[in-house]
Amino acid sequence: MQPQLNKLTDNSPVTDLDMMISLFMRQPEDNGYFIYLQAGSDSENNPFDLKPMIDYKRPSHDLNTKKTYKNQLGAFELTEATYYTLSKKGITQYIRGIPQDYEPLHDWILARSNFKRISNYKFFKNFRRWKLMKMWHRNIIFRKREEIKQVLNDKLFLIDDTFG
């Protein structure tokens, strides 16, 4: 059973990646075609945020060499050591030109759908804000405790080892 495009997107806007996946899924058989993908702007928080690279040549393994590719918006430069390929069979992650991870396309689509659904829960949407506030609060408590310790050490001479 292959996922449909509307299940792919979970009611979010259709992206270039969704269109590429739909194109590959509609092919009757694997013809060996694939497309390069790179991590999107939100890839630190979302591992499924991948952008198709149209008219792109295979990245060099030398990080100092910049490769350019062109899409509808114009030419871009890529210095990434990590890129992906998408085919009818699945998605492969490459690091410095060596395949590191392969996932069948239907499994990747299911994982992507689950990730989108889970990340819409209130807990996960607010987690970073909550964590920042918690760390800020702990830092304030720690500083106050240290200030009070210092005041007590300065004023209470009986605590000093020489007088105790």
N, C-alpha and C. Protein backbone atom coordinates (compact mmCIF):
# COMPACT_ATOMS: atom_id res chain seq x y z
N MET A 1 0.84 -1.18 0.00
CA MET A 1 0.00 0.00 0.00
C MET A 1 0.88 1.24 0.00
N GLN A 2 0.68 2.13 -0.96
CA GLN A 2 1.48 3.33 -1.04
C GLN A 2 0.69 4.53 -0.53
N PRO A 3 1.35 5.42 0.25
CA PRO A 3 0.65 6.59 0.78
C PRO A 3 0.24 7.54 -0.35
N GLN A 4 -0.86 8.22 -0.15
CA GLN A 4 -1.33 9.21 -1.11
C GLN A 4 -0.66 10.55 -0.79
N LEU A 5 -0.67 11.47 -1.78
CA LEU A 5 -0.03 12.77 -1.60
C LEU A 5 -0.66 13.56 -0.47
N ASN A 6 -2.00 13.50 -0.32
CA ASN A 6 -2.63 14.27 0.76
C ASN A 6 -2.24 13.70 2.13
N LYS A 7 -1.98 12.40 2.22
CA LYS A 7 -1.50 11.83 3.48
C LYS A 7 -0.04 12.20 3.70
N LEU A 8 0.67 12.42 2.60
CA LEU A 8 2.07 12.81 2.66
C LEU A 8 2.23 14.16 3.35
N THR A 9 1.33 15.07 3.06
CA THR A 9 1.50 16.45 3.49
C THR A 9 0.79 16.78 4.79
N ASP A 10 -0.11 15.93 5.25
CA ASP A 10 -0.83 16.17 6.51
C ASP A 10 -1.49 17.54 6.52
N ASN A 11 -2.20 17.88 5.45
CA ASN A 11 -2.94 19.14 5.32
C ASN A 11 -2.05 20.37 5.34
N SER A 12 -0.75 20.21 5.16
CA SER A 12 0.13 21.37 5.04
C SER A 12 0.32 21.67 3.56
N PRO A 13 0.83 22.86 3.23
CA PRO A 13 1.00 23.19 1.81
C PRO A 13 1.90 22.18 1.10
N VAL A 14 1.60 21.93 -0.15
CA VAL A 14 2.38 20.98 -0.94
C VAL A 14 3.72 21.63 -1.29
N THR A 15 4.80 20.95 -0.97
CA THR A 15 6.15 21.47 -1.22
C THR A 15 6.73 20.83 -2.48
N ASP A 16 7.88 21.34 -2.90
CA ASP A 16 8.59 20.74 -4.03
C ASP A 16 8.93 19.28 -3.72
N LEU A 17 9.31 18.99 -2.49
CA LEU A 17 9.64 17.62 -2.11
C LEU A 17 8.42 16.72 -2.25
N ASP A 18 7.25 17.21 -1.82
CA ASP A 18 6.02 16.42 -1.97
C ASP A 18 5.75 16.11 -3.43
N MET A 19 5.96 17.08 -4.28
CA MET A 19 5.73 16.87 -5.71
C MET A 19 6.71 15.84 -6.29
N MET A 20 7.97 15.90 -5.86
CA MET A 20 8.97 14.93 -6.33
C MET A 20 8.61 13.51 -5.85
N ILE A 21 8.20 13.40 -4.60
CA ILE A 21 7.82 12.09 -4.06
C ILE A 21 6.62 11.56 -4.83
N SER A 22 5.64 12.42 -5.07
CA SER A 22 4.46 12.02 -5.82
C SER A 22 4.85 11.54 -7.23
N LEU A 23 5.76 12.26 -7.86
CA LEU A 23 6.24 11.88 -9.19
C LEU A 23 6.88 10.50 -9.17
N PHE A 24 7.76 10.26 -8.19
CA PHE A 24 8.43 8.95 -8.10
C PHE A 24 7.44 7.84 -7.78
N MET A 25 6.45 8.13 -6.92
CA MET A 25 5.49 7.09 -6.54
C MET A 25 4.58 6.70 -7.70
N ARG A 26 4.32 7.64 -8.62
CA ARG A 26 3.45 7.35 -9.76
C ARG A 26 4.16 6.54 -10.86
N GLN A 27 5.46 6.43 -10.79
CA GLN A 27 6.19 5.65 -11.79
C GLN A 27 5.86 4.17 -11.61
N PRO A 28 5.58 3.48 -12.70
CA PRO A 28 5.19 2.07 -12.58
C PRO A 28 6.33 1.18 -12.09
N GLU A 29 7.55 1.53 -12.42
CA GLU A 29 8.69 0.72 -11.98
C GLU A 29 9.88 1.62 -11.73
N ASP A 30 10.86 1.10 -11.02
CA ASP A 30 12.06 1.88 -10.74
C ASP A 30 12.90 1.97 -12.01
N ASN A 31 13.10 3.19 -12.50
CA ASN A 31 13.86 3.37 -13.72
C ASN A 31 15.27 3.87 -13.45
N GLY A 32 15.67 3.95 -12.20
CA GLY A 32 17.02 4.36 -11.86
C GLY A 32 17.19 5.86 -11.69
N TYR A 33 16.14 6.64 -11.92
CA TYR A 33 16.24 8.09 -11.75
C TYR A 33 16.24 8.44 -10.26
N PHE A 34 16.94 9.50 -9.95
CA PHE A 34 16.94 10.01 -8.59
C PHE A 34 17.19 11.51 -8.64
N ILE A 35 16.97 12.17 -7.50
CA ILE A 35 17.20 13.60 -7.40
C ILE A 35 17.96 13.87 -6.11
N TYR A 36 18.82 14.87 -6.17
CA TYR A 36 19.56 15.27 -4.99
C TYR A 36 18.71 16.15 -4.10
N LEU A 37 18.90 15.99 -2.79
CA LEU A 37 18.21 16.81 -1.79
C LEU A 37 19.25 17.38 -0.84
N GLN A 38 18.94 18.53 -0.28
CA GLN A 38 19.79 19.06 0.79
C GLN A 38 18.92 19.45 1.96
N ALA A 39 19.53 19.55 3.12
CA ALA A 39 18.79 19.90 4.33
C ALA A 39 18.25 21.32 4.19
N GLY A 40 17.02 21.52 4.64
CA GLY A 40 16.38 22.83 4.57
C GLY A 40 16.82 23.73 5.71
N SER A 41 16.22 24.89 5.78
CA SER A 41 16.59 25.89 6.78
C SER A 41 16.23 25.46 8.20
N ASP A 42 15.23 24.60 8.34
CA ASP A 42 14.79 24.16 9.67
C ASP A 42 15.26 22.74 9.98
N SER A 43 16.33 22.30 9.32
CA SER A 43 16.75 20.91 9.46
C SER A 43 17.29 20.58 10.85
N GLU A 44 17.69 21.60 11.62
CA GLU A 44 18.16 21.34 12.98
C GLU A 44 17.03 20.84 13.86
N ASN A 45 15.82 21.37 13.64
CA ASN A 45 14.65 20.97 14.41
C ASN A 45 13.81 19.92 13.71
N ASN A 46 13.96 19.83 12.40
CA ASN A 46 13.13 18.93 11.61
C ASN A 46 13.99 18.13 10.64
N PRO A 47 14.29 16.88 10.96
CA PRO A 47 15.15 16.08 10.08
C PRO A 47 14.50 15.76 8.74
N PHE A 48 13.21 16.02 8.59
CA PHE A 48 12.51 15.73 7.34
C PHE A 48 12.38 16.96 6.45
N ASP A 49 13.03 18.05 6.85
CA ASP A 49 13.01 19.28 6.06
C ASP A 49 14.10 19.19 5.01
N LEU A 50 13.76 18.65 3.86
CA LEU A 50 14.70 18.49 2.76
C LEU A 50 14.22 19.26 1.55
N LYS A 51 15.17 19.86 0.83
CA LYS A 51 14.85 20.66 -0.35
C LYS A 51 15.45 20.01 -1.59
N PRO A 52 14.64 19.81 -2.64
CA PRO A 52 15.19 19.27 -3.89
C PRO A 52 16.15 20.26 -4.53
N MET A 53 17.22 19.74 -5.11
CA MET A 53 18.19 20.57 -5.81
C MET A 53 18.02 20.30 -7.29
N ILE A 54 17.41 21.23 -7.99
CA ILE A 54 17.13 21.09 -9.40
C ILE A 54 18.37 21.52 -10.19
N ASP A 55 18.64 20.84 -11.31
CA ASP A 55 19.80 21.16 -12.16
C ASP A 55 21.08 21.20 -11.36
N TYR A 56 21.32 20.17 -10.60
CA TYR A 56 22.45 20.16 -9.69
C TYR A 56 23.41 19.06 -10.08
N LYS A 57 24.70 19.37 -9.98
CA LYS A 57 25.73 18.36 -10.21
C LYS A 57 26.13 17.77 -8.87
N ARG A 58 26.60 16.54 -8.89
CA ARG A 58 26.94 15.84 -7.66
C ARG A 58 27.95 16.64 -6.84
N PRO A 59 27.72 16.76 -5.53
CA PRO A 59 28.63 17.54 -4.68
C PRO A 59 30.02 16.93 -4.64
N SER A 60 31.01 17.79 -4.54
CA SER A 60 32.39 17.35 -4.39
C SER A 60 32.58 16.89 -2.94
N HIS A 61 33.56 16.05 -2.71
CA HIS A 61 33.82 15.58 -1.35
C HIS A 61 34.73 16.56 -0.62
N ASP A 62 35.26 17.54 -1.34
CA ASP A 62 36.11 18.56 -0.74
C ASP A 62 35.22 19.68 -0.23
N LEU A 63 35.23 19.93 1.08
CA LEU A 63 34.35 20.93 1.67
C LEU A 63 34.72 22.35 1.24
N ASN A 64 35.95 22.57 0.81
CA ASN A 64 36.37 23.91 0.42
C ASN A 64 35.90 24.26 -0.98
N THR A 65 35.50 23.27 -1.76
CA THR A 65 35.02 23.51 -3.11
C THR A 65 33.54 23.81 -3.08
N LYS A 66 33.16 24.92 -3.67
CA LYS A 66 31.75 25.28 -3.72
C LYS A 66 31.16 24.82 -5.04
N LYS A 67 30.02 24.18 -4.98
CA LYS A 67 29.30 23.77 -6.19
C LYS A 67 28.06 24.63 -6.30
N THR A 68 27.66 24.92 -7.51
CA THR A 68 26.46 25.72 -7.69
C THR A 68 25.38 24.87 -8.32
N TYR A 69 24.15 25.19 -8.01
CA TYR A 69 23.02 24.58 -8.67
C TYR A 69 21.99 25.65 -8.93
N LYS A 70 21.09 25.37 -9.81
CA LYS A 70 20.10 26.35 -10.22
C LYS A 70 18.71 25.80 -10.00
N ASN A 71 17.83 26.61 -9.50
CA ASN A 71 16.42 26.27 -9.47
C ASN A 71 15.62 27.48 -9.92
N GLN A 72 14.34 27.51 -9.66
CA GLN A 72 13.51 28.59 -10.14
C GLN A 72 13.94 29.95 -9.57
N LEU A 73 14.59 29.96 -8.43
CA LEU A 73 14.96 31.21 -7.79
C LEU A 73 16.32 31.71 -8.24
N GLY A 74 17.10 30.90 -8.92
CA GLY A 74 18.42 31.32 -9.38
C GLY A 74 19.49 30.36 -8.93
N ALA A 75 20.75 30.79 -9.04
CA ALA A 75 21.89 29.94 -8.71
C ALA A 75 22.20 30.05 -7.22
N PHE A 76 22.58 28.92 -6.63
CA PHE A 76 22.96 28.88 -5.22
C PHE A 76 24.27 28.13 -5.10
N GLU A 77 24.98 28.39 -3.99
CA GLU A 77 26.22 27.67 -3.75
C GLU A 77 26.00 26.69 -2.60
N LEU A 78 26.67 25.56 -2.69
CA LEU A 78 26.53 24.53 -1.67
C LEU A 78 27.91 24.13 -1.18
N THR A 79 28.11 24.17 0.12
CA THR A 79 29.36 23.71 0.70
C THR A 79 29.09 22.59 1.70
N GLU A 80 27.89 22.05 1.64
CA GLU A 80 27.48 21.02 2.60
C GLU A 80 28.24 19.72 2.35
N ALA A 81 28.60 19.06 3.43
CA ALA A 81 29.22 17.75 3.33
C ALA A 81 28.16 16.66 3.31
N THR A 82 26.92 17.01 3.70
CA THR A 82 25.83 16.05 3.77
C THR A 82 24.79 16.38 2.72
N TYR A 83 24.37 15.38 1.98
CA TYR A 83 23.29 15.55 1.03
C TYR A 83 22.53 14.23 0.96
N TYR A 84 21.41 14.24 0.26
CA TYR A 84 20.53 13.08 0.19
C TYR A 84 20.18 12.81 -1.27
N THR A 85 19.78 11.59 -1.56
CA THR A 85 19.20 11.27 -2.85
C THR A 85 17.83 10.65 -2.63
N LEU A 86 16.90 10.98 -3.51
CA LEU A 86 15.54 10.46 -3.46
C LEU A 86 15.29 9.70 -4.74
N SER A 87 14.84 8.47 -4.61
CA SER A 87 14.46 7.66 -5.77
C SER A 87 13.14 6.98 -5.46
N LYS A 88 12.65 6.20 -6.39
CA LYS A 88 11.40 5.48 -6.16
C LYS A 88 11.54 4.49 -4.99
N LYS A 89 12.74 3.96 -4.80
CA LYS A 89 12.95 2.97 -3.74
C LYS A 89 13.10 3.58 -2.36
N GLY A 90 13.73 4.76 -2.27
CA GLY A 90 13.93 5.33 -0.95
C GLY A 90 14.81 6.55 -0.94
N ILE A 91 15.23 6.93 0.27
CA ILE A 91 16.07 8.10 0.50
C ILE A 91 17.38 7.62 1.12
N THR A 92 18.48 8.11 0.56
CA THR A 92 19.80 7.76 1.05
C THR A 92 20.51 9.02 1.50
N GLN A 93 21.15 8.97 2.67
CA GLN A 93 21.93 10.09 3.17
C GLN A 93 23.40 9.82 2.86
N TYR A 94 24.06 10.84 2.31
CA TYR A 94 25.49 10.75 2.01
C TYR A 94 26.23 11.76 2.86
N ILE A 95 27.35 11.34 3.41
CA ILE A 95 28.23 12.25 4.13
C ILE A 95 29.60 12.13 3.47
N ARG A 96 30.07 13.26 2.94
CA ARG A 96 31.32 13.31 2.19
C ARG A 96 31.34 12.28 1.05
N GLY A 97 30.20 12.10 0.43
CA GLY A 97 30.11 11.22 -0.73
C GLY A 97 29.95 9.74 -0.43
N ILE A 98 29.90 9.37 0.84
CA ILE A 98 29.77 7.97 1.23
C ILE A 98 28.35 7.74 1.76
N PRO A 99 27.62 6.75 1.23
CA PRO A 99 26.26 6.50 1.74
C PRO A 99 26.30 6.08 3.20
N GLN A 100 25.51 6.76 4.03
CA GLN A 100 25.49 6.48 5.46
C GLN A 100 24.20 5.84 5.93
N ASP A 101 23.09 6.23 5.33
CA ASP A 101 21.80 5.77 5.82
C ASP A 101 20.84 5.64 4.65
N TYR A 102 20.12 4.54 4.62
CA TYR A 102 19.11 4.32 3.57
C TYR A 102 17.79 3.97 4.25
N GLU A 103 16.72 4.56 3.76
CA GLU A 103 15.40 4.22 4.29
C GLU A 103 14.43 4.08 3.11
N PRO A 104 13.69 2.97 3.06
CA PRO A 104 12.70 2.81 1.98
C PRO A 104 11.73 3.99 1.98
N LEU A 105 11.27 4.37 0.80
CA LEU A 105 10.45 5.57 0.66
C LEU A 105 9.17 5.50 1.48
N HIS A 106 8.47 4.36 1.45
CA HIS A 106 7.21 4.29 2.20
C HIS A 106 7.45 4.40 3.71
N ASP A 107 8.56 3.86 4.22
CA ASP A 107 8.89 3.99 5.65
C ASP A 107 9.23 5.44 5.99
N TRP A 108 9.97 6.10 5.10
CA TRP A 108 10.36 7.49 5.33
C TRP A 108 9.13 8.40 5.34
N ILE A 109 8.20 8.14 4.42
CA ILE A 109 6.96 8.94 4.36
C ILE A 109 6.15 8.76 5.64
N LEU A 110 6.06 7.53 6.13
CA LEU A 110 5.34 7.26 7.36
C LEU A 110 6.02 7.95 8.55
N ALA A 111 7.35 7.87 8.62
CA ALA A 111 8.07 8.53 9.71
C ALA A 111 7.90 10.04 9.64
N ARG A 112 7.93 10.59 8.44
CA ARG A 112 7.73 12.03 8.24
C ARG A 112 6.33 12.45 8.70
N SER A 113 5.34 11.66 8.32
CA SER A 113 3.97 11.96 8.71
C SER A 113 3.82 11.90 10.23
N ASN A 114 4.38 10.88 10.87
CA ASN A 114 4.32 10.76 12.32
C ASN A 114 5.04 11.92 13.00
N PHE A 115 6.20 12.32 12.45
CA PHE A 115 6.96 13.44 13.02
C PHE A 115 6.13 14.72 12.97
N LYS A 116 5.50 14.97 11.83
CA LYS A 116 4.67 16.18 11.69
C LYS A 116 3.51 16.15 12.68
N ARG A 117 2.88 14.99 12.82
CA ARG A 117 1.74 14.88 13.73
C ARG A 117 2.18 15.10 15.18
N ILE A 118 3.27 14.47 15.57
CA ILE A 118 3.76 14.60 16.95
C ILE A 118 4.25 16.01 17.23
N SER A 119 4.92 16.63 16.26
CA SER A 119 5.46 17.96 16.51
C SER A 119 4.37 19.02 16.62
N ASN A 120 3.14 18.68 16.26
CA ASN A 120 2.03 19.61 16.43
C ASN A 120 1.42 19.57 17.83
N TYR A 121 1.83 18.61 18.66
CA TYR A 121 1.34 18.58 20.03
C TYR A 121 1.87 19.80 20.78
N LYS A 122 1.06 20.31 21.69
CA LYS A 122 1.41 21.52 22.43
C LYS A 122 2.74 21.36 23.18
N PHE A 123 2.96 20.20 23.77
CA PHE A 123 4.19 19.96 24.52
C PHE A 123 5.42 20.19 23.65
N PHE A 124 5.42 19.62 22.43
CA PHE A 124 6.58 19.72 21.57
C PHE A 124 6.70 21.10 20.92
N LYS A 125 5.57 21.76 20.68
CA LYS A 125 5.63 23.11 20.12
C LYS A 125 6.27 24.08 21.11
N ASN A 126 5.95 23.90 22.39
CA ASN A 126 6.42 24.84 23.41
C ASN A 126 7.65 24.36 24.17
N PHE A 127 8.20 23.22 23.77
CA PHE A 127 9.29 22.63 24.55
C PHE A 127 10.50 23.55 24.65
N ARG A 128 10.95 24.13 23.54
CA ARG A 128 12.13 25.00 23.58
C ARG A 128 11.91 26.21 24.48
N ARG A 129 10.74 26.82 24.37
CA ARG A 129 10.42 27.97 25.22
C ARG A 129 10.41 27.56 26.69
N TRP A 130 9.77 26.43 26.95
CA TRP A 130 9.69 25.94 28.32
C TRP A 130 11.08 25.64 28.87
N LYS A 131 11.91 25.00 28.07
CA LYS A 131 13.26 24.65 28.51
C LYS A 131 14.08 25.91 28.80
N LEU A 132 13.98 26.91 27.93
CA LEU A 132 14.69 28.16 28.13
C LEU A 132 14.26 28.85 29.42
N MET A 133 12.95 28.89 29.66
CA MET A 133 12.44 29.51 30.88
C MET A 133 12.90 28.74 32.12
N LYS A 134 12.88 27.42 32.05
CA LYS A 134 13.31 26.60 33.18
C LYS A 134 14.79 26.82 33.48
N MET A 135 15.61 26.87 32.44
CA MET A 135 17.05 27.10 32.64
C MET A 135 17.29 28.50 33.22
N TRP A 136 16.56 29.50 32.73
CA TRP A 136 16.67 30.86 33.23
C TRP A 136 16.30 30.90 34.71
N HIS A 137 15.22 30.24 35.06
CA HIS A 137 14.76 30.21 36.46
C HIS A 137 15.80 29.52 37.35
N ARG A 138 16.32 28.39 36.90
CA ARG A 138 17.35 27.68 37.70
C ARG A 138 18.60 28.54 37.87
N ASN A 139 18.97 29.26 36.83
CA ASN A 139 20.14 30.12 36.89
C ASN A 139 19.94 31.23 37.92
N ILE A 140 18.76 31.82 37.96
CA ILE A 140 18.47 32.87 38.94
C ILE A 140 18.52 32.30 40.35
N ILE A 141 17.91 31.15 40.57
CA ILE A 141 17.93 30.50 41.89
C ILE A 141 19.37 30.20 42.31
N PHE A 142 20.17 29.68 41.37
CA PHE A 142 21.57 29.35 41.67
C PHE A 142 22.34 30.61 42.07
N ARG A 143 22.18 31.69 41.31
CA ARG A 143 22.89 32.94 41.62
C ARG A 143 22.48 33.49 42.99
N LYS A 144 21.20 33.47 43.28
CA LYS A 144 20.73 33.96 44.58
C LYS A 144 21.30 33.11 45.72
N ARG A 145 21.31 31.79 45.51
CA ARG A 145 21.85 30.89 46.54
C ARG A 145 23.34 31.17 46.77
N GLU A 146 24.08 31.39 45.68
CA GLU A 146 25.50 31.68 45.81
C GLU A 146 25.74 33.02 46.51
N GLU A 147 24.92 34.02 46.20
CA GLU A 147 25.04 35.32 46.87
C GLU A 147 24.77 35.18 48.38
N ILE A 148 23.73 34.43 48.72
CA ILE A 148 23.39 34.24 50.14
C ILE A 148 24.49 33.45 50.85
N LYS A 149 25.06 32.46 50.20
CA LYS A 149 26.18 31.70 50.79
C LYS A 149 27.34 32.62 51.10
N GLN A 150 27.63 33.50 50.13
CA GLN A 150 28.76 34.42 50.31
C GLN A 150 28.50 35.36 51.48
N VAL A 151 27.29 35.88 51.58
CA VAL A 151 26.92 36.78 52.69
C VAL A 151 27.04 36.04 54.02
N LEU A 152 26.54 34.81 54.07
CA LEU A 152 26.63 34.03 55.31
C LEU A 152 28.08 33.73 55.67
N ASN A 153 28.87 33.39 54.70
CA ASN A 153 30.30 33.13 54.98
C ASN A 153 31.00 34.37 55.49
N ASP A 154 30.65 35.54 54.96
CA ASP A 154 31.29 36.79 55.38
C ASP A 154 30.84 37.21 56.77
N LYS A 155 29.58 37.02 57.12
CA LYS A 155 29.02 37.52 58.39
C LYS A 155 29.06 36.52 59.54
N LEU A 156 29.03 35.24 59.27
CA LEU A 156 28.99 34.25 60.34
C LEU A 156 30.38 33.65 60.54
N PHE A 157 31.14 34.26 61.45
CA PHE A 157 32.51 33.80 61.68
C PHE A 157 32.57 32.43 62.34
N LEU A 158 31.49 31.98 63.01
CA LEU A 158 31.51 30.68 63.65
C LEU A 158 31.58 29.54 62.64
N ILE A 159 31.17 29.79 61.41
CA ILE A 159 31.23 28.77 60.37
C ILE A 159 32.68 28.54 59.92
N ASP A 160 33.51 29.56 60.12
CA ASP A 160 34.90 29.47 59.69
C ASP A 160 35.60 28.35 60.48
N ASP A 161 36.49 27.60 59.83
CA ASP A 161 37.16 26.46 60.45
C ASP A 161 38.04 26.87 61.64
N THR A 162 38.61 28.03 61.60
CA THR A 162 39.49 28.46 62.69
C THR A 162 38.73 28.73 63.99
N PHE A 163 37.45 29.13 63.87
CA PHE A 163 36.65 29.42 65.05
C PHE A 163 35.72 28.27 65.43
N GLY A 164 35.56 27.28 64.60
CA GLY A 164 34.62 26.21 64.84
C GLY A 164 35.16 25.14 65.63
